[in-house]
Structure formats: structure tokens, C-alpha cells
Amino acid sequence: MPSRDLAQPSWRDELDSFSRTHAGWRVSVRTTTAGGEETFAARDVPLVGVARTAPDTQDIEVAVGDRDHVAHIIPDATAVRVELTPEGADRALVIDSADGTRTTLQFESPMRPEEVDGIPEFSRER
């Protein structure tokens, strides 16, 4: 599966751009431990945004939800990459942690931003 790694020095800018591009898109947030145990923090909810929690930390926050936002914190991130579909659309954002945990923010309907018909309703409410 094709992917694009995000360089750690540019995480802030890359995640800001990713968040602006995909705000309001339907996602699921899945965490897989080093032992293979999977849990879902959220399913089929709009993306609010993804960002580092502070400039001096490697922690990343994923915010999702409609009126009641859910914040999922990924502590001590070591790698961030965007998985792509064969057509080049963003399929998922994958964040690895130092403890071996992997968090996957997966789009329910991956497509290239230029293929989106109009602005998602969620984005207009902001």
C-alpha cells in the first residue's frame, strides 16, 4: 500500500494542513497495541483536527465528533504517515508510539480533496 511519511520536524505544519483539508470528513479511530489488541476510540464521526499537544512534546491529539468532541491522545509519537489508495487519495493517517502502539485514523470514504463536491456541512458550522 503506498504511503507518505511525514518528517518529524514538519509534523506541526503537515498535521495543520491535513486537518484543514479533511475537517468534517467521516473517520474511525482505531488503536492497536504492540500485542495486537485493537480498540476503537471512535467510529464514523467527523474529524475535527490532528495536532501536536505542545511544541516541546511528541504527543499528538486527534479530535473527532459532532457537538461532543472526543480527544484521543497518542503519547510519545515516533512516526506519522499518510496511507494512500492506489489512486493517490488519503486513506488513513497512521501514528506510531514509542511503546509499539499504532493509532489509525481511517477515512470512511477515501477520496482526493478535489473530488469532494462542495464543503462538508461540519466545516461550514465552524
Protein backbone atom coordinates (compact mmCIF):
# COMPACT_ATOMS: atom_id res chain seq x y z
CA MET A 1 0.00 0.00 0.00
CA PRO A 2 1.50 3.37 -0.96
CA SER A 3 2.17 5.84 1.84
CA ARG A 4 3.83 9.16 2.55
CA ASP A 5 5.95 9.57 5.69
CA LEU A 6 5.80 12.91 7.48
CA ALA A 7 9.18 14.18 8.67
CA GLN A 8 9.17 14.85 12.40
CA PRO A 9 10.37 18.48 12.11
CA SER A 10 7.36 19.27 9.90
CA TRP A 11 4.66 17.44 11.92
CA ARG A 12 3.08 20.68 13.10
CA ASP A 13 2.67 22.15 9.62
CA GLU A 14 1.77 18.82 7.98
CA LEU A 15 -0.87 17.99 10.60
CA ASP A 16 -2.33 21.51 10.37
CA SER A 17 -2.62 21.14 6.59
CA PHE A 18 -4.08 17.63 6.93
CA SER A 19 -6.65 18.92 9.44
CA ARG A 20 -7.71 21.87 7.26
CA THR A 21 -8.04 19.65 4.19
CA HIS A 22 -10.04 16.91 5.93
CA ALA A 23 -12.06 18.75 8.61
CA GLY A 24 -15.55 17.26 8.78
CA TRP A 25 -14.68 14.09 6.87
CA ARG A 26 -16.05 10.87 8.44
CA VAL A 27 -13.38 8.81 10.20
CA SER A 28 -12.84 5.96 12.61
CA VAL A 29 -10.01 5.96 15.17
CA ARG A 30 -8.51 2.54 15.92
CA THR A 31 -5.66 1.75 18.31
CA THR A 32 -3.62 -1.43 18.01
CA THR A 33 -1.28 -2.35 20.86
CA ALA A 34 2.13 -3.96 20.34
CA GLY A 35 0.45 -7.25 21.32
CA GLY A 36 -2.17 -6.90 18.56
CA GLU A 37 -5.16 -5.90 20.72
CA GLU A 38 -7.48 -3.50 18.85
CA THR A 39 -9.83 -0.92 20.31
CA PHE A 40 -11.86 1.85 18.68
CA ALA A 41 -11.85 5.34 20.23
CA ALA A 42 -14.48 6.44 17.70
CA ARG A 43 -16.36 5.12 14.66
CA ASP A 44 -17.82 7.04 11.73
CA VAL A 45 -17.55 10.53 13.22
CA PRO A 46 -16.41 13.84 11.69
CA LEU A 47 -12.76 14.79 12.02
CA VAL A 48 -12.17 17.99 13.97
CA GLY A 49 -8.38 18.00 13.70
CA VAL A 50 -4.99 16.45 14.43
CA ALA A 51 -2.17 18.35 16.15
CA ARG A 52 0.79 18.06 18.46
CA THR A 53 -0.35 18.77 22.01
CA ALA A 54 2.56 21.19 22.62
CA PRO A 55 5.69 22.25 20.74
CA ASP A 56 8.03 20.60 23.28
CA THR A 57 6.37 17.17 23.26
CA GLN A 58 5.93 14.28 20.84
CA ASP A 59 2.32 13.74 21.96
CA ILE A 60 -0.34 14.08 19.25
CA GLU A 61 -4.05 14.75 19.77
CA VAL A 62 -6.77 13.52 17.42
CA ALA A 63 -10.08 15.36 17.94
CA VAL A 64 -13.27 13.90 16.44
CA GLY A 65 -17.01 14.15 16.91
CA ASP A 66 -20.03 16.30 16.26
CA ARG A 67 -21.15 18.55 19.10
CA ASP A 68 -19.44 16.39 21.75
CA HIS A 69 -15.81 16.19 20.70
CA VAL A 70 -13.67 13.24 21.69
CA ALA A 71 -9.94 13.86 22.12
CA HIS A 72 -7.66 10.87 21.68
CA ILE A 73 -4.06 11.47 22.82
CA ILE A 74 -1.20 9.50 21.29
CA PRO A 75 1.73 9.76 23.73
CA ASP A 76 5.34 9.88 22.57
CA ALA A 77 4.73 9.54 18.82
CA THR A 78 7.70 8.21 16.86
CA ALA A 79 6.35 8.16 13.29
CA VAL A 80 3.47 9.65 11.33
CA ARG A 81 2.46 8.64 7.82
CA VAL A 82 -0.43 9.03 5.43
CA GLU A 83 -1.58 5.81 3.76
CA LEU A 84 -2.86 6.31 0.23
CA THR A 85 -5.29 4.49 -2.03
CA PRO A 86 -3.96 3.23 -5.40
CA GLU A 87 -5.48 6.39 -6.92
CA GLY A 88 -3.44 8.62 -4.57
CA ALA A 89 -6.22 9.65 -2.17
CA ASP A 90 -5.56 9.83 1.58
CA ARG A 91 -6.91 6.59 3.08
CA ALA A 92 -5.64 6.87 6.65
CA LEU A 93 -3.31 8.73 8.99
CA VAL A 94 -1.17 6.28 10.96
CA ILE A 95 0.70 7.32 14.12
CA ASP A 96 3.18 5.01 15.85
CA SER A 97 4.15 5.42 19.52
CA ALA A 98 7.34 4.55 21.37
CA ASP A 99 5.53 1.74 23.27
CA GLY A 100 4.63 -0.02 19.99
CA THR A 101 1.04 1.20 19.87
CA ARG A 102 -0.31 2.20 16.46
CA THR A 103 -3.24 4.61 16.07
CA THR A 104 -5.03 4.66 12.73
CA LEU A 105 -7.36 7.47 11.72
CA GLN A 106 -9.16 5.90 8.75
CA PHE A 107 -11.49 7.71 6.35
CA GLU A 108 -14.86 6.07 5.80
CA SER A 109 -14.85 7.16 2.12
CA PRO A 110 -11.32 7.97 0.97
CA MET A 111 -11.10 10.39 -1.95
CA ARG A 112 -8.87 13.16 -3.18
CA PRO A 113 -9.91 16.59 -1.83
CA GLU A 114 -10.52 17.91 -5.35
CA GLU A 115 -13.16 15.18 -5.81
CA VAL A 116 -15.25 16.40 -2.86
CA ASP A 117 -18.47 18.01 -4.01
CA GLY A 118 -18.67 21.21 -2.00
CA ILE A 119 -17.66 21.89 1.59
CA PRO A 120 -18.65 19.35 4.26
CA GLU A 121 -21.53 20.63 6.39
CA PHE A 122 -19.40 20.36 9.52
CA SER A 123 -16.81 22.82 8.18
CA ARG A 124 -19.42 25.49 7.49
CA GLU A 125 -20.63 25.46 11.11
CA ARG A 126 -17.20 26.41 12.47
